[in-house]
């Protein structure tokens, strides 16, 4: 029999308007946090090992960001 490899499941928890904690859903352990430079207006949305959120700059510009989890590395940005 092969070795059992559990599937990692992550939660993204808003700590304040610019901070999201990454939590292991199985253990409840906080693994990392992501701090944005502007307020988060939509999200966070977690799908697999990626998290998407939308920030809004003071001039009204909205930018989507996709992060890898649990590392918190910014993977992609896009303008809305």
C-alpha atoms as a PDB file:
ATOM      1  CA  UNK A   1       0.000   0.000   0.000  1.00  0.00           C
ATOM      2  CA  UNK A   2       1.139   3.521  -0.735  1.00  0.00           C
ATOM      3  CA  UNK A   3       1.822   6.136   1.876  1.00  0.00           C
ATOM      4  CA  UNK A   4      -1.207   8.251   2.771  1.00  0.00           C
ATOM      5  CA  UNK A   5      -0.778  11.872   1.672  1.00  0.00           C
ATOM      6  CA  UNK A   6      -3.537  14.116   3.012  1.00  0.00           C
ATOM      7  CA  UNK A   7      -4.749  16.919   0.790  1.00  0.00           C
ATOM      8  CA  UNK A   8      -3.792  20.309   2.162  1.00  0.00           C
ATOM      9  CA  UNK A   9      -6.751  22.594   2.721  1.00  0.00           C
ATOM     10  CA  UNK A  10      -6.266  26.255   3.554  1.00  0.00           C
ATOM     11  CA  UNK A  11      -8.433  28.998   4.975  1.00  0.00           C
ATOM     12  CA  UNK A  12      -7.912  32.728   4.508  1.00  0.00           C
ATOM     13  CA  UNK A  13      -9.001  34.798   7.492  1.00  0.00           C
ATOM     14  CA  UNK A  14      -9.270  38.598   7.375  1.00  0.00           C
ATOM     15  CA  UNK A  15      -7.375  40.057  10.341  1.00  0.00           C
ATOM     16  CA  UNK A  16      -7.883  43.700   9.329  1.00  0.00           C
ATOM     17  CA  UNK A  17      -8.572  45.566   6.042  1.00  0.00           C
ATOM     18  CA  UNK A  18      -5.035  44.931   4.763  1.00  0.00           C
ATOM     19  CA  UNK A  19      -4.063  41.620   6.407  1.00  0.00           C
ATOM     20  CA  UNK A  20      -5.102  38.021   5.687  1.00  0.00           C
ATOM     21  CA  UNK A  21      -3.930  35.041   7.731  1.00  0.00           C
ATOM     22  CA  UNK A  22      -3.373  31.700   6.011  1.00  0.00           C
ATOM     23  CA  UNK A  23      -4.571  28.825   8.199  1.00  0.00           C
ATOM     24  CA  UNK A  24      -4.255  25.062   7.817  1.00  0.00           C
ATOM     25  CA  UNK A  25      -7.915  23.980   7.872  1.00  0.00           C
ATOM     26  CA  UNK A  26      -7.103  20.526   9.261  1.00  0.00           C
ATOM     27  CA  UNK A  27      -5.096  21.651  12.281  1.00  0.00           C
ATOM     28  CA  UNK A  28      -6.170  25.265  12.747  1.00  0.00           C
ATOM     29  CA  UNK A  29      -2.533  26.349  12.785  1.00  0.00           C
ATOM     30  CA  UNK A  30      -1.754  29.784  11.355  1.00  0.00           C
ATOM     31  CA  UNK A  31       0.865  29.181   8.656  1.00  0.00           C
ATOM     32  CA  UNK A  32       1.484  32.636   7.260  1.00  0.00           C
ATOM     33  CA  UNK A  33      -0.024  36.034   6.694  1.00  0.00           C
ATOM     34  CA  UNK A  34      -0.322  38.320   3.700  1.00  0.00           C
ATOM     35  CA  UNK A  35      -0.280  42.075   4.085  1.00  0.00           C
ATOM     36  CA  UNK A  36      -1.510  44.291   1.232  1.00  0.00           C
ATOM     37  CA  UNK A  37      -0.576  47.910   0.629  1.00  0.00           C
ATOM     38  CA  UNK A  38      -4.225  48.973   0.122  1.00  0.00           C
ATOM     39  CA  UNK A  39      -7.562  47.826   1.599  1.00  0.00           C
ATOM     40  CA  UNK A  40      -9.068  44.544   0.447  1.00  0.00           C
ATOM     41  CA  UNK A  41     -12.531  45.192  -1.002  1.00  0.00           C
ATOM     42  CA  UNK A  42     -13.378  41.687  -2.235  1.00  0.00           C
ATOM     43  CA  UNK A  43     -12.283  38.252  -1.094  1.00  0.00           C
ATOM     44  CA  UNK A  44     -10.268  36.508   0.012  1.00  0.00           C
ATOM     45  CA  UNK A  45     -11.365  33.513  -2.050  1.00  0.00           C
ATOM     46  CA  UNK A  46      -9.376  30.283  -1.698  1.00  0.00           C
ATOM     47  CA  UNK A  47      -9.381  27.573  -4.369  1.00  0.00           C
ATOM     48  CA  UNK A  48      -6.885  24.787  -3.841  1.00  0.00           C
ATOM     49  CA  UNK A  49      -3.494  26.328  -3.127  1.00  0.00           C
ATOM     50  CA  UNK A  50      -4.356  29.779  -4.517  1.00  0.00           C
ATOM     51  CA  UNK A  51      -6.044  32.799  -2.972  1.00  0.00           C
ATOM     52  CA  UNK A  52      -7.597  35.684  -4.878  1.00  0.00           C
ATOM     53  CA  UNK A  53      -8.483  39.101  -3.532  1.00  0.00           C
ATOM     54  CA  UNK A  54      -9.232  42.580  -4.869  1.00  0.00           C
ATOM     55  CA  UNK A  55      -7.619  45.744  -3.500  1.00  0.00           C
ATOM     56  CA  UNK A  56      -8.618  49.354  -4.137  1.00  0.00           C
ATOM     57  CA  UNK A  57      -6.145  52.221  -4.342  1.00  0.00           C
ATOM     58  CA  UNK A  58      -7.033  55.737  -3.122  1.00  0.00           C
ATOM     59  CA  UNK A  59      -7.582  56.878  -6.738  1.00  0.00           C
ATOM     60  CA  UNK A  60     -10.287  54.200  -7.146  1.00  0.00           C
ATOM     61  CA  UNK A  61      -8.219  51.775  -9.241  1.00  0.00           C
ATOM     62  CA  UNK A  62      -9.041  48.131  -8.449  1.00  0.00           C
ATOM     63  CA  UNK A  63      -6.450  45.395  -8.796  1.00  0.00           C
ATOM     64  CA  UNK A  64      -6.868  41.643  -8.464  1.00  0.00           C
ATOM     65  CA  UNK A  65      -4.092  39.633  -6.898  1.00  0.00           C
ATOM     66  CA  UNK A  66      -3.548  35.895  -6.894  1.00  0.00           C
ATOM     67  CA  UNK A  67      -1.296  34.436  -4.189  1.00  0.00           C
ATOM     68  CA  UNK A  68       0.183  30.952  -3.777  1.00  0.00           C
ATOM     69  CA  UNK A  69      -0.677  29.263  -0.484  1.00  0.00           C
ATOM     70  CA  UNK A  70       0.641  28.706   2.072  1.00  0.00           C
ATOM     71  CA  UNK A  71       3.761  30.649   1.049  1.00  0.00           C
ATOM     72  CA  UNK A  72       1.918  33.913   0.344  1.00  0.00           C
ATOM     73  CA  UNK A  73       3.976  34.542  -2.781  1.00  0.00           C
ATOM     74  CA  UNK A  74       2.237  36.886  -5.223  1.00  0.00           C
ATOM     75  CA  UNK A  75       1.592  34.847  -8.374  1.00  0.00           C
ATOM     76  CA  UNK A  76      -0.302  37.264 -10.640  1.00  0.00           C
ATOM     77  CA  UNK A  77      -1.961  40.685 -10.699  1.00  0.00           C
ATOM     78  CA  UNK A  78      -4.661  42.017 -13.003  1.00  0.00           C
ATOM     79  CA  UNK A  79      -6.554  45.309 -13.332  1.00  0.00           C
ATOM     80  CA  UNK A  80     -10.318  45.465 -13.085  1.00  0.00           C
END
